[in-house]
Amino acid sequence: MSQLIDSENLIRFAVFLAVLLLMMMWELAAPRRARTAPQAIRWFSNLGVSLLDRGVLQFAVVMGMGVSVKEDGWGLMNWIALPEWVALVSSIVILDLVIYLQHRLFHAVPILWRLHRMHHADIELDVSSGIRFHPGEALVSMLIKVVAVILLAPPVMAIVAFEILLNATSLFNHSNMKLALPLDRVLRWFVVTPDMHRVHHSVRQEELNTNFGFNLPWWDRALGTYRDQPKDGHEKMQIGLEQFRSKRDMRLDQMLMQPFR
């Protein structure tokens, strides 16, 4: 199993790095919004917190549990006879729904919001925001994924594909890249686009609690949390949280202490 985890982590990291570099170049070539915050401290802090909470261990635990439940015969997919490709696709869709519901939970429960708000406290949105999550949030998210894998027993390849997609789409939809508006209107029926997700990072409370999807956009539309555009427009809307806007708040140590402030 360790060889399987090592190879999949290598693929996952390679895809992550490729998408990160592509989004960075796209942001430089065609930015959606003008940059105003100090970029060096933002990137150092965002990358620093990513190293703390998005390492190999988090994926290895979920991956290992996925192998275990398949071998032990636990979970829904072990009890229902489905063609392999149907089990693969349906598992990815169900896991994406779990992440959508998890995201809503982090906004609704005060103690979880304290962990999640560090992600929202970024006063600019770019590809580095897609890896800015508090280690406490990463831990809770890992536990939720483990429970989901135990109950669902998805194919191991579904877990791998889902994690790769989730990482890639998080980088994509947090990026400050400009997409042609006609293309954006088409894409947001199939994937969460940067313009769609940017609304979720508004300082306005009524916009903050919309567009929870990370990967698939269907849950927001089906469950009444979809918002098409921000009230102030994408160029003028204010991003972040009112109480965390100073340069000091961008420091890594202050970001890690934020849930306790």
Protein backbone atom coordinates (compact mmCIF):
# COMPACT_ATOMS: atom_id res chain seq x y z
CA MET A 1 0.00 0.00 0.00
CA SER A 2 2.91 2.36 0.76
CA GLN A 3 4.11 2.09 -2.85
CA LEU A 4 0.60 2.94 -4.09
CA ILE A 5 0.41 5.97 -1.79
CA ASP A 6 3.89 7.14 -2.82
CA SER A 7 3.09 6.95 -6.54
CA GLU A 8 -0.26 8.66 -6.18
CA ASN A 9 1.23 11.43 -4.03
CA LEU A 10 3.83 12.02 -6.75
CA ILE A 11 1.08 12.35 -9.39
CA ARG A 12 -0.92 14.59 -7.09
CA PHE A 13 2.05 16.87 -6.43
CA ALA A 14 2.94 17.02 -10.14
CA VAL A 15 -0.60 18.07 -11.09
CA PHE A 16 -0.68 20.56 -8.21
CA LEU A 17 2.61 22.15 -9.30
CA ALA A 18 1.59 22.29 -12.95
CA VAL A 19 -1.74 23.99 -12.18
CA LEU A 20 -0.09 26.37 -9.70
CA LEU A 21 2.49 27.52 -12.27
CA LEU A 22 -0.12 27.80 -15.03
CA MET A 23 -2.42 29.94 -12.87
CA MET A 24 0.49 32.14 -11.76
CA MET A 25 1.46 32.83 -15.37
CA TRP A 26 -2.17 33.46 -16.35
CA GLU A 27 -2.60 35.92 -13.45
CA LEU A 28 0.50 37.82 -14.55
CA ALA A 29 -0.58 37.90 -18.19
CA ALA A 30 -4.28 38.66 -17.70
CA PRO A 31 -5.26 39.64 -14.14
CA ARG A 32 -8.95 40.03 -13.29
CA ARG A 33 -8.37 42.60 -10.54
CA ALA A 34 -5.57 45.07 -9.80
CA ARG A 35 -3.23 44.01 -6.97
CA THR A 36 -3.11 46.32 -3.94
CA ALA A 37 -1.83 44.22 -1.01
CA PRO A 38 1.89 43.46 -0.35
CA GLN A 39 2.42 40.31 -2.37
CA ALA A 40 5.66 39.02 -0.81
CA ILE A 41 4.24 38.68 2.70
CA ARG A 42 0.94 37.24 1.40
CA TRP A 43 2.65 34.57 -0.65
CA PHE A 44 5.16 33.68 2.07
CA SER A 45 2.37 33.26 4.63
CA ASN A 46 -0.03 31.42 2.31
CA LEU A 47 2.65 29.00 1.14
CA GLY A 48 3.92 28.61 4.70
CA VAL A 49 0.56 27.58 6.11
CA SER A 50 0.09 25.23 3.15
CA LEU A 51 3.27 23.39 4.08
CA LEU A 52 1.87 22.86 7.56
CA ASP A 53 -1.50 21.38 6.62
CA ARG A 54 -1.44 19.98 3.11
CA GLY A 55 1.39 17.47 3.42
CA VAL A 56 1.52 13.81 2.54
CA LEU A 57 0.11 12.61 5.88
CA GLN A 58 -3.36 14.08 5.32
CA PHE A 59 -3.78 12.30 1.99
CA ALA A 60 -2.11 9.10 3.21
CA VAL A 61 -4.65 8.69 6.03
CA VAL A 62 -7.64 9.02 3.70
CA MET A 63 -5.97 6.86 1.05
CA GLY A 64 -5.09 4.18 3.60
CA MET A 65 -8.64 4.15 4.92
CA GLY A 66 -9.93 3.79 1.34
CA VAL A 67 -7.79 0.69 0.78
CA SER A 68 -8.83 -0.74 4.15
CA VAL A 69 -12.60 -0.43 3.68
CA LYS A 70 -12.40 -1.97 0.20
CA GLU A 71 -10.49 -4.93 1.59
CA ASP A 72 -12.76 -5.35 4.63
CA GLY A 73 -16.02 -5.04 2.70
CA TRP A 74 -17.37 -2.00 4.53
CA GLY A 75 -19.39 0.81 2.99
CA LEU A 76 -22.05 1.53 0.41
CA MET A 77 -20.04 0.78 -2.73
CA ASN A 78 -19.21 -2.68 -1.39
CA TRP A 79 -22.89 -3.48 -0.97
CA ILE A 80 -24.13 -2.22 -4.35
CA ALA A 81 -23.05 -3.94 -7.56
CA LEU A 82 -22.11 -1.17 -10.00
CA PRO A 83 -19.97 -1.11 -13.13
CA GLU A 84 -16.50 0.10 -12.23
CA TRP A 85 -16.79 3.37 -14.15
CA VAL A 86 -20.20 4.14 -12.57
CA ALA A 87 -18.77 3.53 -9.09
CA LEU A 88 -15.81 5.78 -9.94
CA VAL A 89 -17.84 8.71 -11.27
CA SER A 90 -20.63 8.49 -8.67
CA SER A 91 -18.07 8.32 -5.84
CA ILE A 92 -16.36 11.50 -7.06
CA VAL A 93 -19.72 13.29 -7.27
CA ILE A 94 -20.78 12.13 -3.79
CA LEU A 95 -17.44 13.13 -2.26
CA ASP A 96 -17.82 16.55 -3.84
CA LEU A 97 -21.24 16.89 -2.21
CA VAL A 98 -19.62 16.02 1.12
CA ILE A 99 -17.09 18.84 0.66
CA TYR A 100 -19.89 21.28 -0.23
CA LEU A 101 -21.80 20.34 2.94
CA GLN A 102 -18.58 20.50 4.96
CA HIS A 103 -17.97 24.02 3.65
CA ARG A 104 -21.44 25.13 4.73
CA LEU A 105 -20.83 23.55 8.14
CA PHE A 106 -17.65 25.59 8.57
CA HIS A 107 -19.67 28.75 7.99
CA ALA A 108 -22.59 27.75 10.22
CA VAL A 109 -20.84 26.44 13.37
CA PRO A 110 -19.03 29.23 15.29
CA ILE A 111 -16.05 27.15 16.46
CA LEU A 112 -15.51 25.82 12.92
CA TRP A 113 -15.89 29.32 11.48
CA ARG A 114 -13.02 30.45 13.73
CA LEU A 115 -10.82 27.92 11.94
CA HIS A 116 -12.18 28.65 8.46
CA ARG A 117 -12.16 32.44 8.68
CA MET A 118 -8.37 32.51 8.23
CA HIS A 119 -9.04 31.45 4.65
CA HIS A 120 -11.50 34.33 4.22
CA ALA A 121 -9.24 36.89 5.89
CA ASP A 122 -7.03 37.10 2.79
CA ILE A 123 -7.70 40.63 1.50
CA GLU A 124 -6.80 39.67 -2.05
CA LEU A 125 -7.70 36.57 -4.00
CA ASP A 126 -5.19 34.78 -6.19
CA VAL A 127 -3.92 31.26 -6.73
CA SER A 128 -2.11 31.28 -3.37
CA SER A 129 -5.46 31.76 -1.61
CA GLY A 130 -6.43 28.29 -2.83
CA ILE A 131 -3.91 26.70 -0.46
CA ARG A 132 -4.49 29.02 2.52
CA PHE A 133 -6.28 26.91 5.15
CA HIS A 134 -5.65 26.74 8.88
CA PRO A 135 -4.08 23.45 10.07
CA GLY A 136 -7.02 23.02 12.43
CA GLU A 137 -9.41 23.22 9.49
CA ALA A 138 -7.27 20.76 7.52
CA LEU A 139 -7.44 18.31 10.43
CA VAL A 140 -11.22 18.54 10.75
CA SER A 141 -11.58 18.23 6.97
CA MET A 142 -9.41 15.10 7.00
CA LEU A 143 -11.60 13.52 9.70
CA ILE A 144 -14.76 14.29 7.70
CA LYS A 145 -13.21 12.72 4.60
CA VAL A 146 -12.24 9.61 6.58
CA VAL A 147 -15.82 9.20 7.81
CA ALA A 148 -17.13 9.74 4.26
CA VAL A 149 -14.73 7.11 2.89
CA ILE A 150 -15.75 4.59 5.59
CA LEU A 151 -19.45 5.06 4.82
CA LEU A 152 -19.08 5.18 1.04
CA ALA A 153 -16.18 2.76 0.40
CA PRO A 154 -15.34 4.40 -2.94
CA PRO A 155 -12.84 2.84 -5.34
CA VAL A 156 -9.31 3.86 -4.37
CA MET A 157 -8.88 5.52 -7.77
CA ALA A 158 -11.96 7.65 -7.02
CA ILE A 159 -10.24 8.98 -3.89
CA VAL A 160 -7.08 9.73 -5.86
CA ALA A 161 -8.97 11.41 -8.72
CA PHE A 162 -11.14 13.41 -6.33
CA GLU A 163 -8.18 14.74 -4.35
CA ILE A 164 -6.36 15.72 -7.55
CA LEU A 165 -9.47 17.47 -8.88
CA LEU A 166 -10.14 19.22 -5.58
CA ASN A 167 -6.60 20.58 -5.37
CA ALA A 168 -6.56 21.67 -9.01
CA THR A 169 -9.98 23.35 -8.94
CA SER A 170 -9.17 25.14 -5.67
CA LEU A 171 -6.15 26.72 -7.34
CA PHE A 172 -8.20 27.51 -10.44
CA ASN A 173 -11.24 29.08 -8.81
CA HIS A 174 -9.24 31.19 -6.34
CA SER A 175 -7.00 32.59 -9.07
CA ASN A 176 -6.97 36.20 -10.21
CA MET A 177 -7.16 35.25 -13.87
CA LYS A 178 -9.41 36.87 -16.42
CA LEU A 179 -11.77 34.62 -18.37
CA ALA A 180 -13.86 35.86 -21.28
CA LEU A 181 -17.37 36.41 -19.92
CA PRO A 182 -19.08 34.15 -22.52
CA LEU A 183 -16.63 31.37 -21.61
CA ASP A 184 -17.26 31.92 -17.90
CA ARG A 185 -21.03 31.63 -18.40
CA VAL A 186 -20.59 28.25 -20.07
CA LEU A 187 -17.91 26.88 -17.73
CA ARG A 188 -19.78 27.68 -14.53
CA TRP A 189 -22.39 25.05 -15.45
CA PHE A 190 -19.68 22.40 -15.14
CA VAL A 191 -17.02 23.75 -12.78
CA VAL A 192 -16.72 26.54 -10.22
CA THR A 193 -15.04 29.44 -12.03
CA PRO A 194 -12.94 32.23 -10.46
CA ASP A 195 -15.73 34.78 -10.97
CA MET A 196 -18.25 32.44 -9.34
CA HIS A 197 -16.09 31.70 -6.31
CA ARG A 198 -14.87 35.28 -5.86
CA VAL A 199 -18.39 36.25 -4.76
CA HIS A 200 -17.95 33.88 -1.80
CA HIS A 201 -14.96 35.93 -0.57
CA SER A 202 -16.87 39.22 -0.39
CA VAL A 203 -16.91 41.22 2.85
CA ARG A 204 -20.68 41.44 2.39
CA GLN A 205 -22.35 38.85 4.63
CA GLU A 206 -25.09 38.10 2.11
CA GLU A 207 -22.44 37.26 -0.50
CA LEU A 208 -20.06 35.50 1.87
CA ASN A 209 -22.68 32.82 2.50
CA THR A 210 -23.17 31.87 -1.15
CA ASN A 211 -21.28 29.85 -3.78
CA PHE A 212 -19.85 27.23 -1.41
CA GLY A 213 -18.82 24.81 -4.15
CA PHE A 214 -15.12 24.12 -4.73
CA ASN A 215 -15.30 21.79 -7.69
CA LEU A 216 -18.81 21.15 -9.04
CA PRO A 217 -21.21 24.12 -9.21
CA TRP A 218 -24.42 22.07 -9.13
CA TRP A 219 -24.91 21.93 -5.36
CA ASP A 220 -25.16 25.72 -5.02
CA ARG A 221 -27.77 25.86 -7.76
CA ALA A 222 -29.75 22.90 -6.43
CA LEU A 223 -29.65 23.91 -2.75
CA GLY A 224 -30.31 27.64 -3.11
CA THR A 225 -26.86 29.07 -2.31
CA TYR A 226 -25.93 30.23 -5.81
CA ARG A 227 -25.27 33.93 -6.50
CA ASP A 228 -24.44 34.99 -10.02
CA GLN A 229 -22.51 38.25 -9.48
CA PRO A 230 -21.31 40.48 -6.60
CA LYS A 231 -23.31 43.65 -5.96
CA ASP A 232 -20.29 45.95 -6.44
CA GLY A 233 -18.87 44.14 -9.48
CA HIS A 234 -15.71 42.06 -9.58
CA GLU A 235 -13.28 44.95 -10.01
CA LYS A 236 -14.68 47.07 -7.15
CA MET A 237 -15.90 44.47 -4.65
CA GLN A 238 -14.04 44.30 -1.34
CA ILE A 239 -12.52 40.92 -0.48
CA GLY A 240 -11.73 39.56 2.97
CA LEU A 241 -13.05 40.25 6.48
CA GLU A 242 -13.47 43.67 8.06
CA GLN A 243 -11.58 42.80 11.27
CA PHE A 244 -8.41 41.37 9.67
CA ARG A 245 -7.07 43.85 7.12
CA SER A 246 -3.73 45.11 8.46
CA LYS A 247 -0.29 44.12 7.23
CA ARG A 248 0.28 42.51 10.63
CA ASP A 249 -2.68 40.20 10.00
CA MET A 250 -0.90 38.86 6.90
CA ARG A 251 1.97 37.43 8.96
CA LEU A 252 2.07 33.65 9.28
CA ASP A 253 2.18 33.70 13.09
CA GLN A 254 -0.88 35.95 13.26
CA MET A 255 -2.73 33.77 10.76
CA LEU A 256 -2.11 30.68 12.90
CA MET A 257 -3.26 32.52 16.05
CA GLN A 258 -6.34 33.96 14.37
CA PRO A 259 -8.86 31.36 15.69
CA PHE A 260 -7.93 32.37 19.24
CA ARG A 261 -8.19 36.12 18.72
